[in-house]
Amino acid sequence: MAEITAQMVKDLRAATGAGPLDCKKALEANGGDFDKAVEYLREKGLAKAAKKLGAGRTMNEGVIQTYQHFNQRLGVMVEVNCETDFVANSEPFQEFSRNVALHIANMAPEYVRREDVPEAVISAERSLQLRILKEDPKNASKPDDILQKIIEGRMDKFFEELVLMEQEFLLDDSKTVSEALSEVVAKVGESCEIRRFARYALGEDGGSDDA
């Protein structure tokens, strides 16, 4: 096994923000390989984050973050919650909240989560996709179960465009907003959530969400 030096632990701490013991264990588990240790800590942090997100904790702290476009024709207000005012004032949480407001301004989601989408909207989209398939000679003769599978795939795309948590994150399209939130939870060590938002564009109707 490669010797794990204090400098290696220090460098890994600087790169990941993890505790010294966790950094030492990560290096030991990966034979001193720095990049593998970083990925190890990232996966461990995200696993912990997933547990925290599902823990049913009370999140009454946080921020109301705003964004206004330079020409004052577009504005966003978003509520991002956490458990403590300490985390609410932390730079990772504040930065994420600012980035979410910017994301909403640019990507124009309509709902926070998939379950927030009204059933009437979902049913209307399913009916539309079925009609499109039935009118397409290449698909019209396919069995209903095959058509339903095609529709399910198209519905996933529909939700990815409409739902904030399922959109590709504006500042890093290798992850979704949901995955970016999980990374913040891993960094700050407590539950966080995007509760609701409103997006206003001059001359447009609607554009708000109160989930």
N, C-alpha and C. Protein backbone atom coordinates (compact mmCIF):
# COMPACT_ATOMS: atom_id res chain seq x y z
N MET A 1 0.84 -1.19 0.00
CA MET A 1 0.00 0.00 0.00
C MET A 1 0.88 1.25 0.00
N ALA A 2 0.50 2.24 -0.83
CA ALA A 2 1.25 3.48 -0.90
C ALA A 2 1.18 4.22 0.43
N GLU A 3 2.28 4.89 0.79
CA GLU A 3 2.30 5.65 2.03
C GLU A 3 1.43 6.90 1.88
N ILE A 4 0.54 7.09 2.84
CA ILE A 4 -0.36 8.25 2.82
C ILE A 4 0.27 9.33 3.69
N THR A 5 0.75 10.39 3.07
CA THR A 5 1.42 11.45 3.81
C THR A 5 0.45 12.53 4.25
N ALA A 6 0.87 13.34 5.20
CA ALA A 6 0.06 14.45 5.68
C ALA A 6 -0.22 15.45 4.56
N GLN A 7 0.74 15.63 3.66
CA GLN A 7 0.55 16.56 2.55
C GLN A 7 -0.52 16.06 1.59
N MET A 8 -0.54 14.74 1.35
CA MET A 8 -1.57 14.17 0.48
C MET A 8 -2.95 14.40 1.06
N VAL A 9 -3.08 14.21 2.38
CA VAL A 9 -4.36 14.44 3.06
C VAL A 9 -4.74 15.91 2.96
N LYS A 10 -3.76 16.79 3.17
CA LYS A 10 -4.00 18.23 3.10
C LYS A 10 -4.47 18.64 1.71
N ASP A 11 -3.83 18.11 0.68
CA ASP A 11 -4.20 18.44 -0.70
C ASP A 11 -5.62 17.96 -1.01
N LEU A 12 -5.95 16.77 -0.53
CA LEU A 12 -7.29 16.22 -0.79
C LEU A 12 -8.36 17.03 -0.05
N ARG A 13 -8.04 17.45 1.17
CA ARG A 13 -8.97 18.31 1.92
C ARG A 13 -9.22 19.61 1.18
N ALA A 14 -8.15 20.20 0.65
CA ALA A 14 -8.28 21.46 -0.08
C ALA A 14 -9.14 21.31 -1.32
N ALA A 15 -9.05 20.15 -1.95
CA ALA A 15 -9.79 19.92 -3.19
C ALA A 15 -11.26 19.56 -2.96
N THR A 16 -11.55 18.92 -1.83
CA THR A 16 -12.89 18.40 -1.61
C THR A 16 -13.65 19.01 -0.45
N GLY A 17 -12.93 19.58 0.50
CA GLY A 17 -13.58 20.11 1.69
C GLY A 17 -13.97 19.04 2.69
N ALA A 18 -13.56 17.80 2.46
CA ALA A 18 -13.89 16.70 3.37
C ALA A 18 -12.99 16.77 4.61
N GLY A 19 -13.39 16.08 5.65
CA GLY A 19 -12.62 16.04 6.88
C GLY A 19 -11.34 15.25 6.71
N PRO A 20 -10.36 15.49 7.59
CA PRO A 20 -9.06 14.81 7.46
C PRO A 20 -9.15 13.29 7.55
N LEU A 21 -9.98 12.79 8.44
CA LEU A 21 -10.11 11.34 8.58
C LEU A 21 -10.71 10.72 7.33
N ASP A 22 -11.74 11.38 6.78
CA ASP A 22 -12.37 10.88 5.55
C ASP A 22 -11.38 10.91 4.40
N CYS A 23 -10.57 11.97 4.33
CA CYS A 23 -9.57 12.08 3.27
C CYS A 23 -8.53 10.96 3.38
N LYS A 24 -8.09 10.69 4.59
CA LYS A 24 -7.10 9.63 4.80
C LYS A 24 -7.67 8.27 4.40
N LYS A 25 -8.93 8.01 4.79
CA LYS A 25 -9.57 6.75 4.45
C LYS A 25 -9.74 6.62 2.94
N ALA A 26 -10.11 7.73 2.28
CA ALA A 26 -10.30 7.71 0.83
C ALA A 26 -9.00 7.40 0.12
N LEU A 27 -7.91 8.00 0.57
CA LEU A 27 -6.61 7.73 -0.04
C LEU A 27 -6.17 6.29 0.20
N GLU A 28 -6.40 5.79 1.40
CA GLU A 28 -6.04 4.41 1.72
C GLU A 28 -6.84 3.43 0.88
N ALA A 29 -8.13 3.74 0.71
CA ALA A 29 -9.01 2.84 -0.05
C ALA A 29 -8.67 2.80 -1.53
N ASN A 30 -7.95 3.83 -1.99
CA ASN A 30 -7.65 3.91 -3.42
C ASN A 30 -6.15 3.92 -3.70
N GLY A 31 -5.37 3.34 -2.76
CA GLY A 31 -3.93 3.18 -2.98
C GLY A 31 -3.18 4.47 -3.18
N GLY A 32 -3.67 5.55 -2.59
CA GLY A 32 -2.99 6.83 -2.71
C GLY A 32 -3.29 7.59 -3.99
N ASP A 33 -4.16 7.05 -4.85
CA ASP A 33 -4.51 7.71 -6.11
C ASP A 33 -5.42 8.91 -5.82
N PHE A 34 -4.93 10.12 -6.12
CA PHE A 34 -5.64 11.35 -5.76
C PHE A 34 -7.00 11.45 -6.47
N ASP A 35 -7.01 11.25 -7.79
CA ASP A 35 -8.25 11.39 -8.56
C ASP A 35 -9.31 10.39 -8.12
N LYS A 36 -8.88 9.15 -7.88
CA LYS A 36 -9.83 8.14 -7.42
C LYS A 36 -10.35 8.47 -6.03
N ALA A 37 -9.50 9.05 -5.19
CA ALA A 37 -9.92 9.45 -3.85
C ALA A 37 -10.95 10.56 -3.90
N VAL A 38 -10.76 11.50 -4.84
CA VAL A 38 -11.74 12.58 -5.02
C VAL A 38 -13.10 12.00 -5.41
N GLU A 39 -13.10 11.08 -6.37
CA GLU A 39 -14.35 10.47 -6.82
C GLU A 39 -14.99 9.64 -5.70
N TYR A 40 -14.16 8.96 -4.94
CA TYR A 40 -14.64 8.17 -3.79
C TYR A 40 -15.38 9.07 -2.80
N LEU A 41 -14.78 10.21 -2.46
CA LEU A 41 -15.39 11.14 -1.52
C LEU A 41 -16.66 11.75 -2.10
N ARG A 42 -16.63 12.03 -3.39
CA ARG A 42 -17.81 12.60 -4.04
C ARG A 42 -18.99 11.63 -3.97
N GLU A 43 -18.73 10.36 -4.30
CA GLU A 43 -19.80 9.36 -4.25
C GLU A 43 -20.29 9.16 -2.83
N LYS A 44 -19.38 9.14 -1.87
CA LYS A 44 -19.76 8.98 -0.47
C LYS A 44 -20.61 10.15 -0.01
N GLY A 45 -20.22 11.35 -0.42
CA GLY A 45 -20.97 12.55 -0.05
C GLY A 45 -22.35 12.57 -0.65
N LEU A 46 -22.46 12.14 -1.91
CA LEU A 46 -23.76 12.12 -2.56
C LEU A 46 -24.66 11.06 -1.93
N ALA A 47 -24.10 9.96 -1.50
CA ALA A 47 -24.89 8.92 -0.83
C ALA A 47 -25.46 9.46 0.48
N LYS A 48 -24.61 10.17 1.23
CA LYS A 48 -25.09 10.79 2.46
C LYS A 48 -26.15 11.84 2.16
N ALA A 49 -25.94 12.58 1.09
CA ALA A 49 -26.89 13.62 0.71
C ALA A 49 -28.25 13.03 0.40
N ALA A 50 -28.25 11.89 -0.32
CA ALA A 50 -29.51 11.24 -0.66
C ALA A 50 -30.28 10.85 0.60
N LYS A 51 -29.55 10.36 1.61
CA LYS A 51 -30.21 10.00 2.87
C LYS A 51 -30.79 11.23 3.55
N LYS A 52 -30.04 12.32 3.53
CA LYS A 52 -30.51 13.54 4.18
C LYS A 52 -31.73 14.11 3.45
N LEU A 53 -31.71 14.03 2.12
CA LEU A 53 -32.84 14.55 1.35
C LEU A 53 -34.11 13.76 1.63
N GLY A 54 -33.97 12.50 1.99
CA GLY A 54 -35.14 11.68 2.24
C GLY A 54 -35.45 11.51 3.71
N ALA A 55 -34.81 12.31 4.57
CA ALA A 55 -34.93 12.10 6.00
C ALA A 55 -36.12 12.82 6.63
N GLY A 56 -36.87 13.60 5.85
CA GLY A 56 -38.02 14.29 6.37
C GLY A 56 -37.68 15.35 7.40
N ARG A 57 -36.52 15.99 7.25
CA ARG A 57 -36.09 17.00 8.20
C ARG A 57 -36.84 18.30 7.98
N THR A 58 -36.93 19.11 9.03
CA THR A 58 -37.59 20.40 8.95
C THR A 58 -36.64 21.42 8.33
N MET A 59 -37.09 22.08 7.28
CA MET A 59 -36.26 23.08 6.60
C MET A 59 -36.99 24.41 6.59
N ASN A 60 -36.81 25.17 7.67
CA ASN A 60 -37.48 26.46 7.82
C ASN A 60 -36.54 27.64 7.61
N GLU A 61 -35.27 27.35 7.35
CA GLU A 61 -34.31 28.41 7.08
C GLU A 61 -34.01 28.44 5.59
N GLY A 62 -33.20 29.41 5.16
CA GLY A 62 -32.84 29.49 3.75
C GLY A 62 -32.82 30.92 3.26
N VAL A 63 -33.05 31.08 1.96
CA VAL A 63 -33.03 32.41 1.37
C VAL A 63 -34.14 32.55 0.33
N ILE A 64 -34.56 33.80 0.14
CA ILE A 64 -35.36 34.17 -1.03
C ILE A 64 -34.38 34.85 -1.97
N GLN A 65 -33.99 34.14 -3.01
CA GLN A 65 -32.99 34.66 -3.94
C GLN A 65 -33.68 35.29 -5.14
N THR A 66 -33.14 36.39 -5.63
CA THR A 66 -33.72 37.07 -6.78
C THR A 66 -32.70 37.23 -7.89
N TYR A 67 -33.21 37.38 -9.10
CA TYR A 67 -32.38 37.68 -10.26
C TYR A 67 -33.15 38.64 -11.14
N GLN A 68 -32.48 39.65 -11.63
CA GLN A 68 -33.10 40.57 -12.58
C GLN A 68 -32.16 40.76 -13.76
N HIS A 69 -32.69 40.58 -14.96
CA HIS A 69 -31.87 40.75 -16.15
C HIS A 69 -31.48 42.21 -16.31
N PHE A 70 -30.35 42.43 -16.99
CA PHE A 70 -29.79 43.78 -17.07
C PHE A 70 -30.76 44.80 -17.67
N ASN A 71 -31.65 44.36 -18.58
CA ASN A 71 -32.59 45.29 -19.21
C ASN A 71 -33.90 45.40 -18.44
N GLN A 72 -33.97 44.76 -17.29
CA GLN A 72 -35.13 44.81 -16.40
C GLN A 72 -36.42 44.29 -17.05
N ARG A 73 -36.26 43.41 -18.01
CA ARG A 73 -37.43 42.82 -18.68
C ARG A 73 -37.69 41.39 -18.22
N LEU A 74 -36.82 40.88 -17.35
CA LEU A 74 -36.95 39.50 -16.86
C LEU A 74 -36.50 39.44 -15.42
N GLY A 75 -37.31 38.81 -14.57
CA GLY A 75 -36.95 38.69 -13.17
C GLY A 75 -37.36 37.35 -12.60
N VAL A 76 -36.62 36.89 -11.60
CA VAL A 76 -36.89 35.60 -10.95
C VAL A 76 -36.81 35.76 -9.44
N MET A 77 -37.70 35.06 -8.74
CA MET A 77 -37.63 34.96 -7.28
C MET A 77 -37.76 33.48 -6.93
N VAL A 78 -36.82 32.95 -6.15
CA VAL A 78 -36.83 31.53 -5.81
C VAL A 78 -36.56 31.36 -4.32
N GLU A 79 -37.29 30.45 -3.70
CA GLU A 79 -37.08 30.12 -2.29
C GLU A 79 -36.32 28.81 -2.20
N VAL A 80 -35.13 28.87 -1.57
CA VAL A 80 -34.31 27.69 -1.35
C VAL A 80 -34.16 27.51 0.15
N ASN A 81 -34.54 26.33 0.66
CA ASN A 81 -34.59 26.09 2.10
C ASN A 81 -33.47 25.17 2.58
N CYS A 82 -33.13 25.33 3.87
CA CYS A 82 -32.19 24.46 4.54
C CYS A 82 -32.62 24.36 6.01
N GLU A 83 -31.83 23.67 6.82
CA GLU A 83 -32.22 23.44 8.21
C GLU A 83 -31.79 24.55 9.17
N THR A 84 -30.64 25.18 8.93
CA THR A 84 -30.09 26.13 9.89
C THR A 84 -29.70 27.44 9.21
N ASP A 85 -29.69 28.52 9.99
CA ASP A 85 -29.27 29.81 9.44
C ASP A 85 -27.77 29.81 9.15
N PHE A 86 -27.02 28.95 9.85
CA PHE A 86 -25.59 28.84 9.59
C PHE A 86 -25.35 28.41 8.14
N VAL A 87 -26.06 27.38 7.70
CA VAL A 87 -25.93 26.91 6.31
C VAL A 87 -26.51 27.93 5.35
N ALA A 88 -27.62 28.56 5.75
CA ALA A 88 -28.25 29.57 4.88
C ALA A 88 -27.28 30.68 4.52
N ASN A 89 -26.37 31.00 5.44
CA ASN A 89 -25.40 32.07 5.22
C ASN A 89 -24.08 31.58 4.64
N SER A 90 -23.96 30.27 4.42
CA SER A 90 -22.70 29.71 3.91
C SER A 90 -22.55 30.00 2.42
N GLU A 91 -21.33 30.09 1.97
CA GLU A 91 -21.08 30.43 0.57
C GLU A 91 -21.58 29.36 -0.41
N PRO A 92 -21.40 28.04 -0.13
CA PRO A 92 -21.93 27.05 -1.08
C PRO A 92 -23.44 27.16 -1.27
N PHE A 93 -24.16 27.39 -0.17
CA PHE A 93 -25.62 27.50 -0.25
C PHE A 93 -26.02 28.77 -0.98
N GLN A 94 -25.37 29.88 -0.63
CA GLN A 94 -25.68 31.16 -1.27
C GLN A 94 -25.38 31.11 -2.77
N GLU A 95 -24.24 30.52 -3.11
CA GLU A 95 -23.86 30.43 -4.52
C GLU A 95 -24.84 29.56 -5.30
N PHE A 96 -25.23 28.44 -4.72
CA PHE A 96 -26.20 27.57 -5.38
C PHE A 96 -27.52 28.30 -5.60
N SER A 97 -27.98 29.03 -4.60
CA SER A 97 -29.24 29.76 -4.71
C SER A 97 -29.18 30.79 -5.84
N ARG A 98 -28.05 31.50 -5.93
CA ARG A 98 -27.88 32.47 -7.02
C ARG A 98 -27.90 31.78 -8.37
N ASN A 99 -27.22 30.64 -8.44
CA ASN A 99 -27.15 29.91 -9.72
C ASN A 99 -28.51 29.34 -10.12
N VAL A 100 -29.30 28.93 -9.14
CA VAL A 100 -30.64 28.43 -9.44
C VAL A 100 -31.51 29.54 -10.01
N ALA A 101 -31.42 30.73 -9.42
CA ALA A 101 -32.20 31.87 -9.93
C ALA A 101 -31.79 32.17 -11.38
N LEU A 102 -30.49 32.14 -11.65
CA LEU A 102 -30.00 32.37 -13.01
C LEU A 102 -30.48 31.27 -13.95
N HIS A 103 -30.46 30.04 -13.48
CA HIS A 103 -30.93 28.91 -14.27
C HIS A 103 -32.40 29.09 -14.65
N ILE A 104 -33.22 29.43 -13.69
CA ILE A 104 -34.66 29.61 -13.93
C ILE A 104 -34.90 30.72 -14.94
N ALA A 105 -34.13 31.79 -14.83
CA ALA A 105 -34.27 32.90 -15.77
C ALA A 105 -34.02 32.45 -17.20
N ASN A 106 -33.00 31.60 -17.38
CA ASN A 106 -32.60 31.19 -18.73
C ASN A 106 -33.38 29.99 -19.26
N MET A 107 -33.71 29.02 -18.39
CA MET A 107 -34.30 27.76 -18.84
C MET A 107 -35.82 27.72 -18.73
N ALA A 108 -36.40 28.68 -18.02
CA ALA A 108 -37.85 28.85 -17.94
C ALA A 108 -38.63 27.58 -17.58
N PRO A 109 -38.28 26.90 -16.50
CA PRO A 109 -39.10 25.76 -16.06
C PRO A 109 -40.47 26.25 -15.60
N GLU A 110 -41.41 25.34 -15.52
CA GLU A 110 -42.76 25.72 -15.09
C GLU A 110 -43.12 25.13 -13.74
N TYR A 111 -42.44 24.05 -13.35
CA TYR A 111 -42.74 23.39 -12.08
C TYR A 111 -41.42 22.99 -11.41
N VAL A 112 -41.45 22.82 -10.09
CA VAL A 112 -40.25 22.42 -9.37
C VAL A 112 -39.98 20.93 -9.55
N ARG A 113 -41.01 20.11 -9.31
CA ARG A 113 -40.87 18.65 -9.37
C ARG A 113 -41.91 18.04 -10.30
N ARG A 114 -41.63 16.82 -10.74
CA ARG A 114 -42.56 16.13 -11.65
C ARG A 114 -43.94 15.99 -11.02
N GLU A 115 -43.97 15.70 -9.72
CA GLU A 115 -45.27 15.51 -9.07
C GLU A 115 -46.09 16.80 -8.95
N ASP A 116 -45.46 17.94 -9.24
CA ASP A 116 -46.18 19.21 -9.20
C ASP A 116 -46.96 19.47 -10.49
N VAL A 117 -46.66 18.74 -11.54
CA VAL A 117 -47.33 18.95 -12.81
C VAL A 117 -48.77 18.44 -12.71
N PRO A 118 -49.76 19.27 -12.99
CA PRO A 118 -51.16 18.85 -12.88
C PRO A 118 -51.47 17.64 -13.77
N GLU A 119 -52.31 16.77 -13.27
CA GLU A 119 -52.66 15.57 -14.02
C GLU A 119 -53.29 15.91 -15.37
N ALA A 120 -54.03 17.02 -15.41
CA ALA A 120 -54.66 17.43 -16.66
C ALA A 120 -53.62 17.76 -17.72
N VAL A 121 -52.52 18.37 -17.32
CA VAL A 121 -51.44 18.71 -18.25
C VAL A 121 -50.77 17.43 -18.75
N ILE A 122 -50.55 16.49 -17.85
CA ILE A 122 -49.92 15.22 -18.23
C ILE A 122 -50.82 14.44 -19.19
N SER A 123 -52.11 14.37 -18.88
CA SER A 123 -53.05 13.63 -19.72
C SER A 123 -53.14 14.24 -21.11
N ALA A 124 -53.14 15.57 -21.16
CA ALA A 124 -53.23 16.26 -22.45
C ALA A 124 -52.00 15.96 -23.30
N GLU A 125 -50.82 15.92 -22.67
CA GLU A 125 -49.60 15.63 -23.41
C GLU A 125 -49.58 14.18 -23.89
N ARG A 126 -50.03 13.25 -23.04
CA ARG A 126 -50.08 11.85 -23.46
C ARG A 126 -51.02 11.68 -24.66
N SER A 127 -52.17 12.34 -24.61
CA SER A 127 -53.14 12.26 -25.71
C SER A 127 -52.55 12.84 -26.99
N LEU A 128 -51.83 13.94 -26.85
CA LEU A 128 -51.20 14.56 -28.01
C LEU A 128 -50.17 13.63 -28.64
N GLN A 129 -49.33 13.01 -27.80
CA GLN A 129 -48.31 12.11 -28.31
C GLN A 129 -48.91 10.87 -28.97
N LEU A 130 -50.01 10.37 -28.41
CA LEU A 130 -50.68 9.21 -29.00
C LEU A 130 -51.25 9.58 -30.36
N ARG A 131 -51.85 10.76 -30.46
CA ARG A 131 -52.42 11.20 -31.74
C ARG A 131 -51.32 11.37 -32.79
N ILE A 132 -50.19 11.92 -32.38
CA ILE A 132 -49.07 12.10 -33.32
C ILE A 132 -48.59 10.74 -33.83
N LEU A 133 -48.49 9.76 -32.93
CA LEU A 133 -48.04 8.43 -33.33
C LEU A 133 -49.05 7.76 -34.27
N LYS A 134 -50.33 7.90 -33.96
CA LYS A 134 -51.37 7.28 -34.77
C LYS A 134 -51.42 7.87 -36.17
N GLU A 135 -51.04 9.13 -36.28
CA GLU A 135 -51.08 9.80 -37.59
C GLU A 135 -49.81 9.57 -38.40
N ASP A 136 -48.82 8.95 -37.77
CA ASP A 136 -47.55 8.66 -38.45
C ASP A 136 -47.63 7.26 -39.06
N PRO A 137 -47.55 7.13 -40.38
CA PRO A 137 -47.66 5.81 -41.04
C PRO A 137 -46.66 4.78 -40.50
N LYS A 138 -45.50 5.25 -40.04
CA LYS A 138 -44.47 4.32 -39.54
C LYS A 138 -44.87 3.71 -38.20
N ASN A 139 -45.74 4.37 -37.48
CA ASN A 139 -46.09 3.91 -36.13
C ASN A 139 -47.55 3.48 -35.97
N ALA A 140 -48.40 3.89 -36.91
CA ALA A 140 -49.84 3.69 -36.76
C ALA A 140 -50.24 2.23 -36.56
N SER A 141 -49.52 1.32 -37.18
CA SER A 141 -49.90 -0.10 -37.11
C SER A 141 -49.24 -0.85 -35.96
N LYS A 142 -48.41 -0.16 -35.17
CA LYS A 142 -47.73 -0.83 -34.07
C LYS A 142 -48.70 -1.14 -32.94
N PRO A 143 -48.47 -2.24 -32.18
CA PRO A 143 -49.36 -2.60 -31.07
C PRO A 143 -49.39 -1.48 -30.02
N ASP A 144 -50.48 -1.44 -29.27
CA ASP A 144 -50.65 -0.39 -28.27
C ASP A 144 -49.55 -0.40 -27.21
N ASP A 145 -49.09 -1.60 -26.81
CA ASP A 145 -48.06 -1.64 -25.79
C ASP A 145 -46.76 -1.03 -26.27
N ILE A 146 -46.46 -1.18 -27.56
CA ILE A 146 -45.27 -0.56 -28.14
C ILE A 146 -45.45 0.96 -28.19
N LEU A 147 -46.63 1.39 -28.58
CA LEU A 147 -46.91 2.83 -28.64
C LEU A 147 -46.79 3.46 -27.25
N GLN A 148 -47.24 2.73 -26.22
CA GLN A 148 -47.17 3.26 -24.86
C GLN A 148 -45.72 3.41 -24.41
N LYS A 149 -44.87 2.48 -24.81
CA LYS A 149 -43.45 2.57 -24.46
C LYS A 149 -42.82 3.79 -25.13
N ILE A 150 -43.20 4.04 -26.37
CA ILE A 150 -42.69 5.21 -27.09
C ILE A 150 -43.16 6.49 -26.39
N ILE A 151 -44.42 6.49 -25.98
CA ILE A 151 -44.99 7.66 -25.30
C ILE A 151 -44.27 7.92 -23.98
N GLU A 152 -43.96 6.85 -23.24
CA GLU A 152 -43.26 7.02 -21.96
C GLU A 152 -41.91 7.70 -22.17
N GLY A 153 -41.20 7.30 -23.23
CA GLY A 153 -39.93 7.93 -23.54
C GLY A 153 -40.10 9.40 -23.86
N ARG A 154 -41.15 9.71 -24.61
CA ARG A 154 -41.41 11.11 -24.96
C ARG A 154 -41.86 11.92 -23.75
N MET A 155 -42.56 11.27 -22.84
CA MET A 155 -43.00 11.97 -21.63
C MET A 155 -41.80 12.34 -20.75
N ASP A 156 -40.79 11.47 -20.72
CA ASP A 156 -39.58 11.79 -19.96
C ASP A 156 -38.95 13.07 -20.51
N LYS A 157 -38.90 13.19 -21.85
CA LYS A 157 -38.36 14.39 -22.47
C LYS A 157 -39.23 15.60 -22.14
N PHE A 158 -40.53 15.38 -22.12
CA PHE A 158 -41.48 16.44 -21.79
C PHE A 158 -41.21 16.98 -20.38
N PHE A 159 -41.02 16.07 -19.42
CA PHE A 159 -40.74 16.48 -18.04
C PHE A 159 -39.37 17.16 -17.93
N GLU A 160 -38.41 16.67 -18.70
CA GLU A 160 -37.07 17.28 -18.64
C GLU A 160 -37.09 18.73 -19.09
N GLU A 161 -38.00 19.08 -19.97
CA GLU A 161 -38.11 20.46 -20.44
C GLU A 161 -38.92 21.32 -19.47
N LEU A 162 -39.88 20.71 -18.80
CA LEU A 162 -40.86 21.47 -18.01
C LEU A 162 -40.49 21.58 -16.53
N VAL A 163 -39.80 20.59 -16.00
CA VAL A 163 -39.59 20.46 -14.55
C VAL A 163 -38.18 20.89 -14.16
N LEU A 164 -38.08 21.83 -13.25
CA LEU A 164 -36.80 22.38 -12.81
C LEU A 164 -35.81 21.31 -12.39
N MET A 165 -36.22 20.40 -11.50
CA MET A 165 -35.30 19.42 -10.94
C MET A 165 -34.76 18.44 -11.98
N GLU A 166 -35.44 18.31 -13.12
CA GLU A 166 -35.03 17.35 -14.14
C GLU A 166 -34.31 18.00 -15.31
N GLN A 167 -34.22 19.33 -15.30
CA GLN A 167 -33.51 20.02 -16.37
C GLN A 167 -32.00 19.87 -16.21
N GLU A 168 -31.28 19.94 -17.34
CA GLU A 168 -29.82 20.01 -17.27
C GLU A 168 -29.44 21.33 -16.63
N PHE A 169 -28.51 21.27 -15.67
CA PHE A 169 -28.11 22.46 -14.93
C PHE A 169 -27.42 23.44 -15.87
N LEU A 170 -27.85 24.70 -15.83
CA LEU A 170 -27.34 25.71 -16.74
C LEU A 170 -25.82 25.82 -16.72
N LEU A 171 -25.22 25.76 -15.53
CA LEU A 171 -23.78 25.98 -15.41
C LEU A 171 -22.94 24.72 -15.58
N ASP A 172 -23.61 23.56 -15.69
CA ASP A 172 -22.90 22.29 -15.90
C ASP A 172 -23.91 21.27 -16.43
N ASP A 173 -23.96 21.15 -17.76
CA ASP A 173 -24.99 20.29 -18.36
C ASP A 173 -24.69 18.80 -18.24
N SER A 174 -23.60 18.46 -17.51
CA SER A 174 -23.34 17.04 -17.25
C SER A 174 -24.18 16.54 -16.10
N LYS A 175 -24.91 17.42 -15.41
CA LYS A 175 -25.75 17.04 -14.28
C LYS A 175 -27.08 17.75 -14.36
N THR A 176 -28.07 17.19 -13.68
CA THR A 176 -29.37 17.85 -13.57
C THR A 176 -29.37 18.80 -12.38
N VAL A 177 -30.40 19.63 -12.29
CA VAL A 177 -30.54 20.51 -11.13
C VAL A 177 -30.64 19.67 -9.86
N SER A 178 -31.34 18.55 -9.94
CA SER A 178 -31.48 17.66 -8.78
C SER A 178 -30.11 17.16 -8.31
N GLU A 179 -29.26 16.79 -9.26
CA GLU A 179 -27.92 16.30 -8.91
C GLU A 179 -27.07 17.43 -8.34
N ALA A 180 -27.22 18.63 -8.89
CA ALA A 180 -26.48 19.79 -8.36
C ALA A 180 -26.92 20.08 -6.92
N LEU A 181 -28.21 19.94 -6.64
CA LEU A 181 -28.71 20.13 -5.28
C LEU A 181 -28.12 19.09 -4.34
N SER A 182 -28.04 17.84 -4.78
CA SER A 182 -27.47 16.79 -3.95
C SER A 182 -26.01 17.08 -3.61
N GLU A 183 -25.28 17.65 -4.55
CA GLU A 183 -23.88 18.00 -4.29
C GLU A 183 -23.78 19.09 -3.22
N VAL A 184 -24.71 20.05 -3.25
CA VAL A 184 -24.72 21.11 -2.24
C VAL A 184 -25.02 20.51 -0.87
N VAL A 185 -25.99 19.59 -0.81
CA VAL A 185 -26.33 18.92 0.44
C VAL A 185 -25.10 18.20 0.99
N ALA A 186 -24.35 17.55 0.10
CA ALA A 186 -23.13 16.85 0.54
C ALA A 186 -22.11 17.83 1.10
N LYS A 187 -22.01 19.01 0.50
CA LYS A 187 -21.04 20.01 0.96
C LYS A 187 -21.42 20.60 2.31
N VAL A 188 -22.71 20.98 2.47
CA VAL A 188 -23.11 21.71 3.68
C VAL A 188 -23.50 20.78 4.82
N GLY A 189 -23.80 19.51 4.51
CA GLY A 189 -24.06 18.53 5.56
C GLY A 189 -25.44 18.57 6.17
N GLU A 190 -26.41 19.15 5.46
CA GLU A 190 -27.78 19.09 5.96
C GLU A 190 -28.76 19.18 4.79
N SER A 191 -30.02 18.88 5.07
CA SER A 191 -31.03 18.84 4.02
C SER A 191 -31.27 20.23 3.43
N CYS A 192 -31.45 20.26 2.12
CA CYS A 192 -31.78 21.50 1.41
C CYS A 192 -32.82 21.17 0.35
N GLU A 193 -33.60 22.16 -0.04
CA GLU A 193 -34.58 21.94 -1.10
C GLU A 193 -34.91 23.25 -1.80
N ILE A 194 -35.30 23.13 -3.06
CA ILE A 194 -35.85 24.27 -3.78
C ILE A 194 -37.36 24.18 -3.60
N ARG A 195 -37.95 25.12 -2.88
CA ARG A 195 -39.36 24.98 -2.52
C ARG A 195 -40.30 25.52 -3.60
N ARG A 196 -40.02 26.72 -4.09
CA ARG A 196 -40.92 27.33 -5.07
C ARG A 196 -40.20 28.46 -5.79
N PHE A 197 -40.77 28.88 -6.90
CA PHE A 197 -40.18 29.99 -7.63
C PHE A 197 -41.24 30.73 -8.42
N ALA A 198 -40.88 31.93 -8.83
CA ALA A 198 -41.72 32.71 -9.74
C ALA A 198 -40.80 33.33 -10.78
N ARG A 199 -41.20 33.28 -12.02
CA ARG A 199 -40.42 33.86 -13.12
C ARG A 199 -41.32 34.81 -13.90
N TYR A 200 -40.87 36.03 -14.05
CA TYR A 200 -41.65 37.05 -14.74
C TYR A 200 -40.87 37.59 -15.93
N ALA A 201 -41.49 37.55 -17.10
CA ALA A 201 -40.92 38.14 -18.31
C ALA A 201 -41.92 39.16 -18.82
N LEU A 202 -41.43 40.34 -19.09
CA LEU A 202 -42.30 41.44 -19.51
C LEU A 202 -43.14 41.05 -20.73
N GLY A 203 -44.45 41.20 -20.60
CA GLY A 203 -45.34 40.89 -21.70
C GLY A 203 -45.83 39.46 -21.76
N GLU A 204 -45.30 38.60 -20.89
CA GLU A 204 -45.72 37.19 -20.86
C GLU A 204 -46.71 36.95 -19.74
N ASP A 205 -47.65 36.03 -19.97
CA ASP A 205 -48.59 35.63 -18.93
C ASP A 205 -48.02 34.47 -18.15
N GLY A 206 -48.44 34.32 -16.91
CA GLY A 206 -48.04 33.17 -16.09
C GLY A 206 -46.58 33.22 -15.73
N GLY A 207 -45.93 32.03 -15.75
CA GLY A 207 -44.52 31.94 -15.47
C GLY A 207 -44.19 31.81 -14.01
N SER A 208 -45.14 31.39 -13.17
CA SER A 208 -44.85 31.24 -11.74
C SER A 208 -45.20 29.86 -11.27
N ASP A 209 -44.63 29.49 -10.13
CA ASP A 209 -44.88 28.16 -9.57
C ASP A 209 -44.92 28.29 -8.07
N ASP A 210 -45.94 27.73 -7.43
CA ASP A 210 -46.08 27.84 -5.97
C ASP A 210 -46.02 26.49 -5.32
N ALA A 211 -45.33 25.53 -5.91
CA ALA A 211 -45.25 24.18 -5.34
C ALA A 211 -44.63 24.23 -3.97
